[in-house]
C-alpha atoms as a PDB file:
ATOM      1  CA  UNK A   1     -51.052 -10.377  25.407  1.00  0.00           C
ATOM      2  CA  UNK A   2     -50.109 -13.936  26.168  1.00  0.00           C
ATOM      3  CA  UNK A   3     -46.603 -15.217  25.508  1.00  0.00           C
ATOM      4  CA  UNK A   4     -47.525 -16.961  22.257  1.00  0.00           C
ATOM      5  CA  UNK A   5     -48.991 -13.791  20.759  1.00  0.00           C
ATOM      6  CA  UNK A   6     -45.974 -11.719  21.852  1.00  0.00           C
ATOM      7  CA  UNK A   7     -43.644 -14.277  20.304  1.00  0.00           C
ATOM      8  CA  UNK A   8     -45.589 -14.195  17.038  1.00  0.00           C
ATOM      9  CA  UNK A   9     -45.680 -10.397  16.813  1.00  0.00           C
ATOM     10  CA  UNK A  10     -42.141  -9.697  17.990  1.00  0.00           C
ATOM     11  CA  UNK A  11     -40.268 -12.546  16.336  1.00  0.00           C
ATOM     12  CA  UNK A  12     -38.722 -13.457  19.698  1.00  0.00           C
ATOM     13  CA  UNK A  13     -39.270 -17.121  20.503  1.00  0.00           C
ATOM     14  CA  UNK A  14     -41.336 -18.158  23.513  1.00  0.00           C
ATOM     15  CA  UNK A  15     -38.281 -19.956  24.857  1.00  0.00           C
ATOM     16  CA  UNK A  16     -36.243 -16.712  24.745  1.00  0.00           C
ATOM     17  CA  UNK A  17     -39.117 -14.786  26.336  1.00  0.00           C
ATOM     18  CA  UNK A  18     -39.095 -17.242  29.241  1.00  0.00           C
ATOM     19  CA  UNK A  19     -35.324 -16.805  29.485  1.00  0.00           C
ATOM     20  CA  UNK A  20     -35.729 -13.019  29.626  1.00  0.00           C
ATOM     21  CA  UNK A  21     -38.316 -13.502  32.375  1.00  0.00           C
ATOM     22  CA  UNK A  22     -35.978 -15.688  34.452  1.00  0.00           C
ATOM     23  CA  UNK A  23     -33.239 -13.071  34.135  1.00  0.00           C
ATOM     24  CA  UNK A  24     -35.612 -10.290  35.143  1.00  0.00           C
ATOM     25  CA  UNK A  25     -34.937  -8.572  31.843  1.00  0.00           C
ATOM     26  CA  UNK A  26     -38.492  -8.560  30.445  1.00  0.00           C
ATOM     27  CA  UNK A  27     -41.035  -9.737  32.967  1.00  0.00           C
ATOM     28  CA  UNK A  28     -44.763  -9.919  32.175  1.00  0.00           C
ATOM     29  CA  UNK A  29     -46.706  -7.469  34.297  1.00  0.00           C
ATOM     30  CA  UNK A  30     -49.306 -10.014  35.338  1.00  0.00           C
ATOM     31  CA  UNK A  31     -50.653 -13.496  34.902  1.00  0.00           C
ATOM     32  CA  UNK A  32     -54.023 -14.664  33.783  1.00  0.00           C
ATOM     33  CA  UNK A  33     -56.428 -16.490  36.095  1.00  0.00           C
ATOM     34  CA  UNK A  34     -55.124 -19.707  34.611  1.00  0.00           C
ATOM     35  CA  UNK A  35     -51.496 -18.752  35.363  1.00  0.00           C
ATOM     36  CA  UNK A  36     -50.370 -17.755  31.870  1.00  0.00           C
ATOM     37  CA  UNK A  37     -47.974 -14.834  31.457  1.00  0.00           C
ATOM     38  CA  UNK A  38     -49.661 -11.653  30.283  1.00  0.00           C
ATOM     39  CA  UNK A  39     -47.587  -8.877  28.719  1.00  0.00           C
ATOM     40  CA  UNK A  40     -48.727  -5.268  28.997  1.00  0.00           C
ATOM     41  CA  UNK A  41     -47.920  -2.736  26.232  1.00  0.00           C
ATOM     42  CA  UNK A  42     -45.025  -1.352  28.294  1.00  0.00           C
ATOM     43  CA  UNK A  43     -43.605  -4.890  28.579  1.00  0.00           C
ATOM     44  CA  UNK A  44     -43.654  -5.239  24.803  1.00  0.00           C
ATOM     45  CA  UNK A  45     -41.948  -1.857  24.401  1.00  0.00           C
ATOM     46  CA  UNK A  46     -39.225  -2.987  26.793  1.00  0.00           C
ATOM     47  CA  UNK A  47     -38.857  -6.183  24.793  1.00  0.00           C
ATOM     48  CA  UNK A  48     -38.226  -4.178  21.623  1.00  0.00           C
ATOM     49  CA  UNK A  49     -35.702  -2.022  23.500  1.00  0.00           C
ATOM     50  CA  UNK A  50     -33.915  -5.194  24.600  1.00  0.00           C
ATOM     51  CA  UNK A  51     -33.769  -6.529  21.052  1.00  0.00           C
ATOM     52  CA  UNK A  52     -32.539  -3.186  19.714  1.00  0.00           C
ATOM     53  CA  UNK A  53     -29.665  -3.084  22.204  1.00  0.00           C
ATOM     54  CA  UNK A  54     -28.793  -6.714  21.561  1.00  0.00           C
ATOM     55  CA  UNK A  55     -28.553  -5.921  17.842  1.00  0.00           C
ATOM     56  CA  UNK A  56     -25.682  -3.546  18.720  1.00  0.00           C
ATOM     57  CA  UNK A  57     -23.750  -6.383  20.328  1.00  0.00           C
ATOM     58  CA  UNK A  58     -24.557  -5.711  23.981  1.00  0.00           C
ATOM     59  CA  UNK A  59     -24.609  -8.684  26.315  1.00  0.00           C
ATOM     60  CA  UNK A  60     -27.837  -9.403  28.192  1.00  0.00           C
ATOM     61  CA  UNK A  61     -26.151  -8.151  31.350  1.00  0.00           C
ATOM     62  CA  UNK A  62     -25.235  -4.860  29.698  1.00  0.00           C
ATOM     63  CA  UNK A  63     -28.727  -4.578  28.233  1.00  0.00           C
ATOM     64  CA  UNK A  64     -30.221  -4.846  31.718  1.00  0.00           C
ATOM     65  CA  UNK A  65     -27.847  -2.218  33.066  1.00  0.00           C
ATOM     66  CA  UNK A  66     -28.526   0.110  30.151  1.00  0.00           C
ATOM     67  CA  UNK A  67     -32.291  -0.060  30.762  1.00  0.00           C
ATOM     68  CA  UNK A  68     -32.321  -0.005  34.556  1.00  0.00           C
ATOM     69  CA  UNK A  69     -29.209   1.848  35.753  1.00  0.00           C
ATOM     70  CA  UNK A  70     -29.410   5.630  35.150  1.00  0.00           C
ATOM     71  CA  UNK A  71     -25.658   5.994  35.833  1.00  0.00           C
ATOM     72  CA  UNK A  72     -24.692   3.464  33.159  1.00  0.00           C
ATOM     73  CA  UNK A  73     -22.631   5.389  30.556  1.00  0.00           C
ATOM     74  CA  UNK A  74     -23.719   4.683  27.012  1.00  0.00           C
ATOM     75  CA  UNK A  75     -20.864   6.395  25.165  1.00  0.00           C
ATOM     76  CA  UNK A  76     -18.059   4.318  26.692  1.00  0.00           C
ATOM     77  CA  UNK A  77     -19.771   1.032  25.947  1.00  0.00           C
ATOM     78  CA  UNK A  78     -20.692   2.070  22.414  1.00  0.00           C
ATOM     79  CA  UNK A  79     -17.048   3.011  21.757  1.00  0.00           C
ATOM     80  CA  UNK A  80     -15.944  -0.360  23.112  1.00  0.00           C
ATOM     81  CA  UNK A  81     -18.459  -2.191  20.925  1.00  0.00           C
ATOM     82  CA  UNK A  82     -17.279  -0.233  17.895  1.00  0.00           C
ATOM     83  CA  UNK A  83     -13.678  -1.231  18.637  1.00  0.00           C
ATOM     84  CA  UNK A  84     -14.707  -4.884  18.943  1.00  0.00           C
ATOM     85  CA  UNK A  85     -16.574  -4.666  15.648  1.00  0.00           C
ATOM     86  CA  UNK A  86     -13.499  -3.189  13.943  1.00  0.00           C
ATOM     87  CA  UNK A  87     -11.379  -6.040  15.277  1.00  0.00           C
ATOM     88  CA  UNK A  88     -13.862  -8.602  13.962  1.00  0.00           C
ATOM     89  CA  UNK A  89     -13.966  -6.886  10.580  1.00  0.00           C
ATOM     90  CA  UNK A  90     -10.157  -6.828  10.434  1.00  0.00           C
ATOM     91  CA  UNK A  91      -9.992 -10.541  11.254  1.00  0.00           C
ATOM     92  CA  UNK A  92     -12.688 -11.376   8.715  1.00  0.00           C
ATOM     93  CA  UNK A  93     -11.010  -9.200   6.076  1.00  0.00           C
ATOM     94  CA  UNK A  94      -7.698 -10.927   6.695  1.00  0.00           C
ATOM     95  CA  UNK A  95      -9.383 -14.310   6.383  1.00  0.00           C
ATOM     96  CA  UNK A  96     -11.154 -13.270   3.180  1.00  0.00           C
ATOM     97  CA  UNK A  97      -7.879 -12.003   1.698  1.00  0.00           C
ATOM     98  CA  UNK A  98      -6.135 -15.240   2.585  1.00  0.00           C
ATOM     99  CA  UNK A  99      -8.900 -17.353   1.064  1.00  0.00           C
ATOM    100  CA  UNK A 100      -8.864 -15.319  -2.151  1.00  0.00           C
ATOM    101  CA  UNK A 101      -5.097 -15.619  -2.394  1.00  0.00           C
ATOM    102  CA  UNK A 102      -5.279 -19.361  -1.959  1.00  0.00           C
ATOM    103  CA  UNK A 103      -7.988 -19.444  -4.624  1.00  0.00           C
ATOM    104  CA  UNK A 104      -5.832 -17.332  -6.959  1.00  0.00           C
ATOM    105  CA  UNK A 105      -3.087 -19.943  -6.642  1.00  0.00           C
ATOM    106  CA  UNK A 106      -5.525 -22.417  -8.248  1.00  0.00           C
ATOM    107  CA  UNK A 107      -4.865 -25.357  -5.888  1.00  0.00           C
ATOM    108  CA  UNK A 108      -5.582 -28.758  -7.350  1.00  0.00           C
ATOM    109  CA  UNK A 109      -5.925 -30.543  -4.033  1.00  0.00           C
ATOM    110  CA  UNK A 110      -5.698 -29.980  -0.288  1.00  0.00           C
ATOM    111  CA  UNK A 111      -1.964 -30.569  -0.346  1.00  0.00           C
ATOM    112  CA  UNK A 112      -1.645 -27.526  -2.617  1.00  0.00           C
ATOM    113  CA  UNK A 113      -3.885 -25.536  -0.277  1.00  0.00           C
ATOM    114  CA  UNK A 114      -1.749 -26.431   2.728  1.00  0.00           C
ATOM    115  CA  UNK A 115       1.434 -25.625   0.805  1.00  0.00           C
ATOM    116  CA  UNK A 116       0.164 -22.171  -0.154  1.00  0.00           C
ATOM    117  CA  UNK A 117      -0.999 -21.504   3.417  1.00  0.00           C
ATOM    118  CA  UNK A 118       2.464 -22.452   4.652  1.00  0.00           C
ATOM    119  CA  UNK A 119       4.207 -20.113   2.214  1.00  0.00           C
ATOM    120  CA  UNK A 120       1.875 -17.243   3.103  1.00  0.00           C
ATOM    121  CA  UNK A 121       2.635 -17.866   6.761  1.00  0.00           C
ATOM    122  CA  UNK A 122       6.376 -17.991   6.075  1.00  0.00           C
ATOM    123  CA  UNK A 123       6.201 -14.537   4.491  1.00  0.00           C
ATOM    124  CA  UNK A 124       5.245 -13.203   7.933  1.00  0.00           C
ATOM    125  CA  UNK A 125       7.810 -15.212   9.870  1.00  0.00           C
ATOM    126  CA  UNK A 126      10.093 -13.472  12.373  1.00  0.00           C
ATOM    127  CA  UNK A 127      13.004 -15.239  10.655  1.00  0.00           C
ATOM    128  CA  UNK A 128      14.486 -13.326   7.730  1.00  0.00           C
ATOM    129  CA  UNK A 129      15.815 -16.588   6.316  1.00  0.00           C
ATOM    130  CA  UNK A 130      12.345 -18.139   6.326  1.00  0.00           C
ATOM    131  CA  UNK A 131      10.862 -15.075   4.631  1.00  0.00           C
ATOM    132  CA  UNK A 132      13.584 -15.148   1.985  1.00  0.00           C
ATOM    133  CA  UNK A 133      13.075 -18.876   1.350  1.00  0.00           C
ATOM    134  CA  UNK A 134       9.337 -18.288   0.914  1.00  0.00           C
ATOM    135  CA  UNK A 135       9.997 -15.505  -1.600  1.00  0.00           C
ATOM    136  CA  UNK A 136      12.330 -17.692  -3.637  1.00  0.00           C
ATOM    137  CA  UNK A 137       9.973 -20.693  -3.429  1.00  0.00           C
ATOM    138  CA  UNK A 138       7.068 -18.594  -4.694  1.00  0.00           C
ATOM    139  CA  UNK A 139       8.418 -18.855  -8.236  1.00  0.00           C
ATOM    140  CA  UNK A 140       7.697 -22.540  -8.662  1.00  0.00           C
ATOM    141  CA  UNK A 141       5.031 -25.177  -8.375  1.00  0.00           C
ATOM    142  CA  UNK A 142       3.174 -23.307  -5.607  1.00  0.00           C
ATOM    143  CA  UNK A 143       3.283 -19.644  -6.587  1.00  0.00           C
ATOM    144  CA  UNK A 144       2.267 -17.037  -4.037  1.00  0.00           C
ATOM    145  CA  UNK A 145      -0.208 -14.492  -5.425  1.00  0.00           C
ATOM    146  CA  UNK A 146       1.578 -11.319  -6.504  1.00  0.00           C
ATOM    147  CA  UNK A 147      -0.390  -9.010  -4.226  1.00  0.00           C
ATOM    148  CA  UNK A 148       0.758 -11.019  -1.184  1.00  0.00           C
ATOM    149  CA  UNK A 149       4.373 -10.693  -2.345  1.00  0.00           C
ATOM    150  CA  UNK A 150       3.863  -6.965  -2.908  1.00  0.00           C
ATOM    151  CA  UNK A 151       2.487  -6.443   0.593  1.00  0.00           C
ATOM    152  CA  UNK A 152       5.431  -8.425   1.952  1.00  0.00           C
ATOM    153  CA  UNK A 153       8.041  -6.330   0.125  1.00  0.00           C
ATOM    154  CA  UNK A 154       6.455  -3.089   1.327  1.00  0.00           C
ATOM    155  CA  UNK A 155       6.920  -4.116   4.962  1.00  0.00           C
ATOM    156  CA  UNK A 156      10.254  -5.935   4.535  1.00  0.00           C
ATOM    157  CA  UNK A 157      13.179  -4.257   6.371  1.00  0.00           C
ATOM    158  CA  UNK A 158      15.901  -6.811   5.500  1.00  0.00           C
ATOM    159  CA  UNK A 159      17.702  -5.914   2.227  1.00  0.00           C
ATOM    160  CA  UNK A 160      18.395  -9.516   1.212  1.00  0.00           C
ATOM    161  CA  UNK A 161      14.785 -10.563   1.730  1.00  0.00           C
ATOM    162  CA  UNK A 162      13.490  -7.457  -0.039  1.00  0.00           C
ATOM    163  CA  UNK A 163      15.755  -8.294  -2.978  1.00  0.00           C
ATOM    164  CA  UNK A 164      14.340 -11.815  -3.179  1.00  0.00           C
ATOM    165  CA  UNK A 165      10.791 -10.471  -3.039  1.00  0.00           C
ATOM    166  CA  UNK A 166      11.497  -7.927  -5.786  1.00  0.00           C
ATOM    167  CA  UNK A 167      12.964 -10.687  -7.921  1.00  0.00           C
ATOM    168  CA  UNK A 168       9.874 -12.835  -7.393  1.00  0.00           C
ATOM    169  CA  UNK A 169       7.609  -9.911  -8.264  1.00  0.00           C
ATOM    170  CA  UNK A 170       9.596  -9.205 -11.409  1.00  0.00           C
ATOM    171  CA  UNK A 171       8.665 -12.706 -12.590  1.00  0.00           C
ATOM    172  CA  UNK A 172       4.970 -12.086 -11.959  1.00  0.00           C
ATOM    173  CA  UNK A 173       4.514  -9.277 -14.495  1.00  0.00           C
ATOM    174  CA  UNK A 174       2.128  -6.474 -13.655  1.00  0.00           C
ATOM    175  CA  UNK A 175      -0.180  -8.307 -11.249  1.00  0.00           C
ATOM    176  CA  UNK A 176       1.247  -6.592  -8.166  1.00  0.00           C
ATOM    177  CA  UNK A 177       1.204  -3.020  -9.444  1.00  0.00           C
ATOM    178  CA  UNK A 178      -1.994  -1.869  -7.756  1.00  0.00           C
ATOM    179  CA  UNK A 179      -0.619  -2.765  -4.318  1.00  0.00           C
ATOM    180  CA  UNK A 180       2.683  -1.054  -5.176  1.00  0.00           C
ATOM    181  CA  UNK A 181       0.843   2.030  -6.438  1.00  0.00           C
ATOM    182  CA  UNK A 182      -0.908   2.228  -3.087  1.00  0.00           C
ATOM    183  CA  UNK A 183       2.475   1.851  -1.419  1.00  0.00           C
ATOM    184  CA  UNK A 184       3.690   4.940  -3.280  1.00  0.00           C
ATOM    185  CA  UNK A 185       0.900   6.856  -1.562  1.00  0.00           C
ATOM    186  CA  UNK A 186       1.891   5.705   1.920  1.00  0.00           C
ATOM    187  CA  UNK A 187       2.686   8.358   4.545  1.00  0.00           C
ATOM    188  CA  UNK A 188       5.745   6.259   5.484  1.00  0.00           C
ATOM    189  CA  UNK A 189       8.772   7.270   3.338  1.00  0.00           C
ATOM    190  CA  UNK A 190      10.363   3.839   3.774  1.00  0.00           C
ATOM    191  CA  UNK A 191       7.297   2.145   2.298  1.00  0.00           C
ATOM    192  CA  UNK A 192       7.296   4.624  -0.599  1.00  0.00           C
ATOM    193  CA  UNK A 193      10.953   3.846  -1.270  1.00  0.00           C
ATOM    194  CA  UNK A 194      10.343   0.096  -1.179  1.00  0.00           C
ATOM    195  CA  UNK A 195       7.428   0.535  -3.562  1.00  0.00           C
ATOM    196  CA  UNK A 196       9.337   2.508  -6.196  1.00  0.00           C
ATOM    197  CA  UNK A 197      12.421   0.256  -5.879  1.00  0.00           C
ATOM    198  CA  UNK A 198      10.158  -2.699  -6.648  1.00  0.00           C
ATOM    199  CA  UNK A 199       8.321  -1.084  -9.558  1.00  0.00           C
ATOM    200  CA  UNK A 200      11.598  -0.266 -11.356  1.00  0.00           C
ATOM    201  CA  UNK A 201      12.410  -3.979 -11.486  1.00  0.00           C
ATOM    202  CA  UNK A 202       9.137  -4.937 -13.180  1.00  0.00           C
ATOM    203  CA  UNK A 203       9.537  -4.896 -16.949  1.00  0.00           C
ATOM    204  CA  UNK A 204       5.903  -4.363 -17.863  1.00  0.00           C
ATOM    205  CA  UNK A 205       4.147  -1.500 -19.690  1.00  0.00           C
ATOM    206  CA  UNK A 206       1.880  -0.938 -16.701  1.00  0.00           C
ATOM    207  CA  UNK A 207       4.951  -0.533 -14.494  1.00  0.00           C
ATOM    208  CA  UNK A 208       6.166   2.209 -16.835  1.00  0.00           C
ATOM    209  CA  UNK A 209       2.809   3.948 -16.387  1.00  0.00           C
ATOM    210  CA  UNK A 210       3.176   3.783 -12.596  1.00  0.00           C
ATOM    211  CA  UNK A 211       6.646   5.314 -12.893  1.00  0.00           C
ATOM    212  CA  UNK A 212       5.262   8.093 -15.083  1.00  0.00           C
ATOM    213  CA  UNK A 213       2.748   8.884 -12.347  1.00  0.00           C
ATOM    214  CA  UNK A 214       5.604   8.939  -9.825  1.00  0.00           C
ATOM    215  CA  UNK A 215       7.278  11.814 -11.709  1.00  0.00           C
ATOM    216  CA  UNK A 216       4.796  14.182 -10.047  1.00  0.00           C
ATOM    217  CA  UNK A 217       5.195  12.656  -6.576  1.00  0.00           C
ATOM    218  CA  UNK A 218       5.719  14.947  -3.589  1.00  0.00           C
ATOM    219  CA  UNK A 219       8.594  12.724  -2.433  1.00  0.00           C
ATOM    220  CA  UNK A 220      11.736  13.910  -4.263  1.00  0.00           C
ATOM    221  CA  UNK A 221      13.447  10.560  -3.794  1.00  0.00           C
ATOM    222  CA  UNK A 222      10.550   8.713  -5.416  1.00  0.00           C
ATOM    223  CA  UNK A 223      10.540  11.154  -8.342  1.00  0.00           C
ATOM    224  CA  UNK A 224      14.274  10.780  -8.919  1.00  0.00           C
ATOM    225  CA  UNK A 225      14.297   6.987  -8.795  1.00  0.00           C
ATOM    226  CA  UNK A 226      11.373   6.910 -11.223  1.00  0.00           C
ATOM    227  CA  UNK A 227      13.094   9.377 -13.563  1.00  0.00           C
ATOM    228  CA  UNK A 228      16.317   7.353 -13.685  1.00  0.00           C
ATOM    229  CA  UNK A 229      14.438   4.185 -14.580  1.00  0.00           C
ATOM    230  CA  UNK A 230      12.239   5.936 -17.129  1.00  0.00           C
ATOM    231  CA  UNK A 231      15.348   7.374 -18.737  1.00  0.00           C
ATOM    232  CA  UNK A 232      16.731   3.852 -19.071  1.00  0.00           C
ATOM    233  CA  UNK A 233      13.428   2.827 -20.651  1.00  0.00           C
ATOM    234  CA  UNK A 234      13.656   5.671 -23.162  1.00  0.00           C
ATOM    235  CA  UNK A 235      10.720   7.653 -21.779  1.00  0.00           C
ATOM    236  CA  UNK A 236      11.220  11.351 -22.560  1.00  0.00           C
ATOM    237  CA  UNK A 237       8.792  12.411 -19.808  1.00  0.00           C
ATOM    238  CA  UNK A 238      11.698  11.950 -17.386  1.00  0.00           C
ATOM    239  CA  UNK A 239      13.883  14.644 -18.985  1.00  0.00           C
ATOM    240  CA  UNK A 240      12.825  17.633 -16.791  1.00  0.00           C
ATOM    241  CA  UNK A 241      13.436  15.682 -13.577  1.00  0.00           C
ATOM    242  CA  UNK A 242      16.783  14.373 -14.829  1.00  0.00           C
ATOM    243  CA  UNK A 243      17.924  17.877 -15.753  1.00  0.00           C
ATOM    244  CA  UNK A 244      16.802  19.101 -12.327  1.00  0.00           C
ATOM    245  CA  UNK A 245      18.947  16.355 -10.769  1.00  0.00           C
ATOM    246  CA  UNK A 246      21.992  17.585 -12.699  1.00  0.00           C
ATOM    247  CA  UNK A 247      21.381  21.151 -11.549  1.00  0.00           C
ATOM    248  CA  UNK A 248      20.953  20.087  -7.915  1.00  0.00           C
ATOM    249  CA  UNK A 249      23.844  17.643  -7.895  1.00  0.00           C
ATOM    250  CA  UNK A 250      21.632  14.740  -6.780  1.00  0.00           C
ATOM    251  CA  UNK A 251      22.751  11.536  -8.540  1.00  0.00           C
ATOM    252  CA  UNK A 252      23.835  13.892 -11.306  1.00  0.00           C
ATOM    253  CA  UNK A 253      26.185  11.350 -12.929  1.00  0.00           C
ATOM    254  CA  UNK A 254      23.396   8.772 -13.193  1.00  0.00           C
ATOM    255  CA  UNK A 255      21.015  11.478 -14.412  1.00  0.00           C
ATOM    256  CA  UNK A 256      23.495  12.519 -17.114  1.00  0.00           C
ATOM    257  CA  UNK A 257      23.843   8.898 -18.253  1.00  0.00           C
ATOM    258  CA  UNK A 258      20.055   8.640 -18.498  1.00  0.00           C
ATOM    259  CA  UNK A 259      19.862  11.891 -20.465  1.00  0.00           C
ATOM    260  CA  UNK A 260      22.425  10.486 -22.870  1.00  0.00           C
ATOM    261  CA  UNK A 261      19.978   7.708 -23.746  1.00  0.00           C
ATOM    262  CA  UNK A 262      17.164  10.148 -24.465  1.00  0.00           C
ATOM    263  CA  UNK A 263      16.454  12.655 -27.181  1.00  0.00           C
ATOM    264  CA  UNK A 264      16.214  14.925 -28.934  1.00  0.00           C
ATOM    265  CA  UNK A 265      19.707  15.924 -27.788  1.00  0.00           C
ATOM    266  CA  UNK A 266      19.379  19.536 -28.962  1.00  0.00           C
ATOM    267  CA  UNK A 267      16.528  20.315 -26.560  1.00  0.00           C
ATOM    268  CA  UNK A 268      18.291  18.549 -23.676  1.00  0.00           C
ATOM    269  CA  UNK A 269      21.488  20.516 -24.277  1.00  0.00           C
ATOM    270  CA  UNK A 270      19.544  23.779 -24.515  1.00  0.00           C
ATOM    271  CA  UNK A 271      17.784  23.056 -21.224  1.00  0.00           C
ATOM    272  CA  UNK A 272      21.082  22.230 -19.506  1.00  0.00           C
ATOM    273  CA  UNK A 273      22.770  25.389 -20.756  1.00  0.00           C
ATOM    274  CA  UNK A 274      19.811  27.456 -19.589  1.00  0.00           C
ATOM    275  CA  UNK A 275      20.261  26.401 -15.960  1.00  0.00           C
ATOM    276  CA  UNK A 276      21.507  28.288 -12.908  1.00  0.00           C
ATOM    277  CA  UNK A 277      24.630  30.364 -13.532  1.00  0.00           C
ATOM    278  CA  UNK A 278      26.680  29.495 -10.434  1.00  0.00           C
ATOM    279  CA  UNK A 279      30.025  27.809 -11.026  1.00  0.00           C
ATOM    280  CA  UNK A 280      29.209  24.512  -9.306  1.00  0.00           C
ATOM    281  CA  UNK A 281      26.123  24.025 -11.482  1.00  0.00           C
ATOM    282  CA  UNK A 282      28.020  24.956 -14.652  1.00  0.00           C
ATOM    283  CA  UNK A 283      30.665  22.374 -13.778  1.00  0.00           C
ATOM    284  CA  UNK A 284      28.041  19.653 -13.333  1.00  0.00           C
ATOM    285  CA  UNK A 285      26.452  20.665 -16.652  1.00  0.00           C
ATOM    286  CA  UNK A 286      29.866  20.423 -18.328  1.00  0.00           C
ATOM    287  CA  UNK A 287      30.375  16.955 -16.921  1.00  0.00           C
ATOM    288  CA  UNK A 288      26.843  15.940 -17.926  1.00  0.00           C
ATOM    289  CA  UNK A 289      27.437  17.056 -21.520  1.00  0.00           C
ATOM    290  CA  UNK A 290      30.118  14.362 -21.743  1.00  0.00           C
ATOM    291  CA  UNK A 291      27.340  11.751 -21.683  1.00  0.00           C
ATOM    292  CA  UNK A 292      25.205  13.401 -24.374  1.00  0.00           C
ATOM    293  CA  UNK A 293      26.027  12.603 -27.990  1.00  0.00           C
ATOM    294  CA  UNK A 294      25.600  14.951 -30.911  1.00  0.00           C
ATOM    295  CA  UNK A 295      26.783  18.252 -32.339  1.00  0.00           C
ATOM    296  CA  UNK A 296      24.693  20.367 -29.962  1.00  0.00           C
ATOM    297  CA  UNK A 297      26.607  18.992 -26.976  1.00  0.00           C
ATOM    298  CA  UNK A 298      29.935  19.607 -28.722  1.00  0.00           C
ATOM    299  CA  UNK A 299      28.986  23.218 -29.486  1.00  0.00           C
ATOM    300  CA  UNK A 300      27.992  23.745 -25.856  1.00  0.00           C
ATOM    301  CA  UNK A 301      31.308  22.307 -24.686  1.00  0.00           C
ATOM    302  CA  UNK A 302      33.254  24.638 -26.986  1.00  0.00           C
ATOM    303  CA  UNK A 303      31.369  27.527 -25.463  1.00  0.00           C
ATOM    304  CA  UNK A 304      32.249  26.283 -21.992  1.00  0.00           C
ATOM    305  CA  UNK A 305      35.982  26.150 -22.857  1.00  0.00           C
ATOM    306  CA  UNK A 306      35.806  29.947 -22.658  1.00  0.00           C
ATOM    307  CA  UNK A 307      34.177  29.929 -19.212  1.00  0.00           C
ATOM    308  CA  UNK A 308      35.614  32.366 -16.686  1.00  0.00           C
ATOM    309  CA  UNK A 309      35.987  29.535 -14.187  1.00  0.00           C
ATOM    310  CA  UNK A 310      39.216  27.742 -15.075  1.00  0.00           C
ATOM    311  CA  UNK A 311      38.111  24.345 -13.754  1.00  0.00           C
ATOM    312  CA  UNK A 312      35.029  24.473 -15.976  1.00  0.00           C
ATOM    313  CA  UNK A 313      37.038  25.545 -19.033  1.00  0.00           C
ATOM    314  CA  UNK A 314      39.618  22.787 -18.490  1.00  0.00           C
ATOM    315  CA  UNK A 315      36.921  20.167 -17.970  1.00  0.00           C
ATOM    316  CA  UNK A 316      35.191  21.239 -21.195  1.00  0.00           C
ATOM    317  CA  UNK A 317      38.498  21.052 -23.093  1.00  0.00           C
ATOM    318  CA  UNK A 318      39.195  17.585 -21.713  1.00  0.00           C
ATOM    319  CA  UNK A 319      35.730  16.306 -22.637  1.00  0.00           C
ATOM    320  CA  UNK A 320      35.993  17.781 -26.132  1.00  0.00           C
ATOM    321  CA  UNK A 321      39.384  16.155 -26.601  1.00  0.00           C
ATOM    322  CA  UNK A 322      37.942  12.757 -25.748  1.00  0.00           C
ATOM    323  CA  UNK A 323      34.967  13.268 -28.058  1.00  0.00           C
ATOM    324  CA  UNK A 324      37.121  14.325 -31.007  1.00  0.00           C
END
């Protein structure tokens, strides 16, 4: 076949075919009597092999080596190409995310676009002061999209900056909750802690739902923080975890305060009195009953005034005296 016919059938331009010929990559087997390039079937097959390898991202030099050098290792190059592709995808994904965030900010002109780009850049600054200023500035004329703030708070190690970011997110409502929910599933315990600390500051029904989900988390710290906040929000689902905290002596005072805001008190008191029988747990239960209103708590305290452990009995008497 002549070069024009090969170009038509293969989709490779005649100019590129001549380039391949000059490089020695795909050379026509012969020439016609008039000097035109003539491609044999094996030349066309090689051409398709070249195009297939180029589609994987190989350079023309690597394509030539792959076809002509038997010692050329395919696996190493393919792994390298895959790594390059992942890097490109990561860069493109980052660019797409940035563009969407700028679009979410609804810029009215290019000045707004540049302002949002600057704030997004400041959130990743090496300066804690710059990051904090960006967080505080996000609640204003050029708001930063909530998901960008959420990603920033999940990676933020500085307490002051994290506090500013949580404050900014609290103003945004529930828009950041999906990112924070993903943060709760992170293998990094610090990210999980930052996520739950941020969710508790968002006064939104969807945030309450996220905290309910956190009650079954494998991370005990996440469960306890969620339970304390849910107790403050009057969510009875937190009661078992709060009672467990009293039994274990983990933030038991805070847990008792949260239980005091929940009901029904009778069932809470019954659950507390049905706990482990060791003296240290009974003492914590006695102290917790001080925070729980109602007759059931008073009856339980009277029972505890007869406890064999004198410190428990005296504590129960003291609490009863204050209640009465």
